């Protein structure tokens, strides 16, 4: 998975066991391709751990 956040950041998906013991550092960004292309029809804003790839589904206010 690639996130557009002050440049393109590659997020590696790790196994379930490694996700359990990860000290999550979440970053927010727009889902994109490896060369930075995004969807025209709408933005996918994700909050993802930059170490294990866990998607945080909590809303920020």
N, C-alpha and C. Protein backbone atom coordinates (compact mmCIF):
# COMPACT_ATOMS: atom_id res chain seq x y z
N UNK A 1 0.85 -1.16 0.00
CA UNK A 1 0.00 0.00 0.00
C UNK A 1 0.90 1.23 0.00
N UNK A 2 0.47 2.26 -0.70
CA UNK A 2 1.21 3.51 -0.77
C UNK A 2 0.32 4.64 -0.27
N UNK A 3 0.90 5.54 0.52
CA UNK A 3 0.19 6.69 1.09
C UNK A 3 0.88 7.96 0.63
N UNK A 4 0.08 8.93 0.16
CA UNK A 4 0.59 10.22 -0.26
C UNK A 4 0.53 11.16 0.94
N UNK A 5 1.70 11.43 1.54
CA UNK A 5 1.79 12.26 2.74
C UNK A 5 3.17 12.89 2.76
N UNK A 6 3.29 14.13 2.30
CA UNK A 6 4.60 14.79 2.16
C UNK A 6 5.54 13.91 1.36
N UNK A 7 5.08 13.42 0.24
CA UNK A 7 5.81 12.46 -0.58
C UNK A 7 5.09 11.12 -0.52
N UNK A 8 5.60 10.16 -1.24
CA UNK A 8 4.96 8.85 -1.30
C UNK A 8 5.63 7.94 -0.26
N UNK A 9 4.82 7.37 0.64
CA UNK A 9 5.32 6.48 1.68
C UNK A 9 4.81 5.08 1.41
N UNK A 10 5.71 4.09 1.34
CA UNK A 10 5.30 2.71 1.15
C UNK A 10 5.02 2.09 2.52
N UNK A 11 3.85 1.47 2.65
CA UNK A 11 3.45 0.82 3.90
C UNK A 11 3.53 -0.68 3.68
N UNK A 12 4.36 -1.36 4.46
CA UNK A 12 4.49 -2.81 4.35
C UNK A 12 3.45 -3.48 5.23
N UNK A 13 2.76 -4.48 4.67
CA UNK A 13 1.79 -5.25 5.43
C UNK A 13 2.54 -6.38 6.13
N UNK A 14 2.43 -6.47 7.44
CA UNK A 14 3.09 -7.52 8.21
C UNK A 14 2.06 -8.55 8.66
N UNK A 15 2.53 -9.66 9.18
CA UNK A 15 1.65 -10.74 9.60
C UNK A 15 0.84 -10.33 10.83
N UNK A 16 -0.19 -11.11 11.11
CA UNK A 16 -1.09 -10.83 12.23
C UNK A 16 -0.34 -10.81 13.56
N UNK A 17 0.58 -11.74 13.74
CA UNK A 17 1.34 -11.82 15.00
C UNK A 17 2.20 -10.57 15.19
N UNK A 18 2.87 -10.13 14.14
CA UNK A 18 3.73 -8.94 14.24
C UNK A 18 2.90 -7.68 14.47
N UNK A 19 1.66 -7.64 13.94
CA UNK A 19 0.79 -6.49 14.17
C UNK A 19 0.38 -6.38 15.63
N UNK A 20 0.26 -7.52 16.32
CA UNK A 20 -0.13 -7.50 17.73
C UNK A 20 0.92 -6.83 18.61
N UNK A 21 2.20 -7.01 18.27
CA UNK A 21 3.28 -6.50 19.11
C UNK A 21 3.89 -5.20 18.58
N UNK A 22 3.28 -4.59 17.59
CA UNK A 22 3.80 -3.36 17.00
C UNK A 22 3.44 -2.16 17.89
N UNK A 23 4.39 -1.25 18.06
CA UNK A 23 4.10 0.02 18.72
C UNK A 23 3.69 0.98 17.61
N UNK A 24 2.39 1.13 17.44
CA UNK A 24 1.85 1.82 16.27
C UNK A 24 2.22 3.30 16.24
N UNK A 25 2.68 3.76 15.09
CA UNK A 25 2.88 5.17 14.79
C UNK A 25 2.02 5.47 13.57
N UNK A 26 0.89 6.13 13.80
CA UNK A 26 -0.07 6.35 12.73
C UNK A 26 0.28 7.60 11.93
N UNK A 27 0.12 7.49 10.61
CA UNK A 27 0.25 8.63 9.72
C UNK A 27 -1.04 8.74 8.93
N UNK A 28 -1.38 9.94 8.53
CA UNK A 28 -2.60 10.19 7.76
C UNK A 28 -2.20 10.60 6.36
N UNK A 29 -2.88 10.06 5.38
CA UNK A 29 -2.58 10.43 4.01
C UNK A 29 -3.59 9.86 3.05
N UNK A 30 -3.41 10.19 1.80
CA UNK A 30 -4.32 9.76 0.74
C UNK A 30 -3.76 8.51 0.07
N UNK A 31 -4.62 7.51 -0.13
CA UNK A 31 -4.21 6.27 -0.77
C UNK A 31 -3.84 6.57 -2.22
N UNK A 32 -2.69 6.06 -2.69
CA UNK A 32 -2.24 6.34 -4.06
C UNK A 32 -1.50 5.14 -4.62
N UNK A 33 -1.11 5.23 -5.89
CA UNK A 33 -0.31 4.17 -6.52
C UNK A 33 1.16 4.42 -6.23
N UNK A 34 2.02 3.54 -6.73
CA UNK A 34 3.45 3.65 -6.44
C UNK A 34 4.09 4.87 -7.08
N UNK A 35 3.44 5.46 -8.10
CA UNK A 35 4.00 6.66 -8.74
C UNK A 35 3.24 7.92 -8.34
N UNK A 36 2.31 7.80 -7.38
CA UNK A 36 1.63 8.98 -6.85
C UNK A 36 0.30 9.31 -7.47
N UNK A 37 -0.25 8.43 -8.31
CA UNK A 37 -1.56 8.69 -8.92
C UNK A 37 -2.67 8.39 -7.93
N UNK A 38 -3.69 9.25 -7.89
CA UNK A 38 -4.83 9.07 -7.00
C UNK A 38 -6.09 8.91 -7.82
N UNK A 39 -7.18 8.51 -7.16
CA UNK A 39 -8.46 8.33 -7.85
C UNK A 39 -9.06 9.68 -8.19
N UNK A 40 -9.68 9.77 -9.35
CA UNK A 40 -10.34 11.00 -9.78
C UNK A 40 -11.70 11.13 -9.09
N UNK A 41 -12.40 10.02 -8.91
CA UNK A 41 -13.77 10.06 -8.41
C UNK A 41 -13.89 10.41 -6.93
N UNK A 42 -12.82 10.32 -6.19
CA UNK A 42 -12.89 10.66 -4.77
C UNK A 42 -11.61 10.30 -4.06
N UNK A 43 -11.42 10.90 -2.91
CA UNK A 43 -10.19 10.66 -2.17
C UNK A 43 -10.41 9.58 -1.12
N UNK A 44 -9.41 8.76 -0.94
CA UNK A 44 -9.40 7.78 0.13
C UNK A 44 -8.39 8.25 1.16
N UNK A 45 -8.87 8.91 2.21
CA UNK A 45 -7.99 9.38 3.28
C UNK A 45 -7.91 8.27 4.33
N UNK A 46 -6.70 7.80 4.60
CA UNK A 46 -6.50 6.70 5.54
C UNK A 46 -5.58 7.14 6.67
N UNK A 47 -5.79 6.54 7.84
CA UNK A 47 -4.88 6.68 8.97
C UNK A 47 -4.29 5.29 9.18
N UNK A 48 -2.98 5.15 8.92
CA UNK A 48 -2.33 3.85 8.85
C UNK A 48 -1.07 3.86 9.70
N UNK A 49 -0.77 2.72 10.32
CA UNK A 49 0.51 2.57 11.03
C UNK A 49 1.61 2.44 10.00
N UNK A 50 2.66 3.23 10.13
CA UNK A 50 3.72 3.22 9.12
C UNK A 50 4.65 2.03 9.25
N UNK A 51 4.53 1.26 10.34
CA UNK A 51 5.40 0.11 10.54
C UNK A 51 4.75 -1.20 10.10
N UNK A 52 3.47 -1.41 10.44
CA UNK A 52 2.85 -2.71 10.18
C UNK A 52 1.70 -2.67 9.19
N UNK A 53 1.17 -1.50 8.86
CA UNK A 53 0.10 -1.40 7.88
C UNK A 53 -1.30 -1.48 8.46
N UNK A 54 -1.45 -1.48 9.78
CA UNK A 54 -2.78 -1.53 10.39
C UNK A 54 -3.52 -0.23 10.12
N UNK A 55 -4.75 -0.36 9.62
CA UNK A 55 -5.58 0.81 9.34
C UNK A 55 -6.35 1.17 10.60
N UNK A 56 -6.24 2.43 11.04
CA UNK A 56 -6.96 2.92 12.21
C UNK A 56 -8.28 3.48 11.72
N UNK A 57 -9.39 2.94 12.21
CA UNK A 57 -10.70 3.38 11.75
C UNK A 57 -11.36 4.37 12.70
N UNK A 58 -10.62 4.92 13.65
CA UNK A 58 -11.18 5.92 14.55
C UNK A 58 -11.24 7.26 13.85
N UNK A 59 -12.32 7.98 14.04
CA UNK A 59 -12.48 9.29 13.41
C UNK A 59 -11.83 10.36 14.27
N UNK A 60 -11.19 11.31 13.62
CA UNK A 60 -10.58 12.44 14.33
C UNK A 60 -11.51 13.64 14.24
N UNK A 61 -11.66 14.37 15.35
CA UNK A 61 -12.47 15.58 15.34
C UNK A 61 -11.64 16.74 15.80
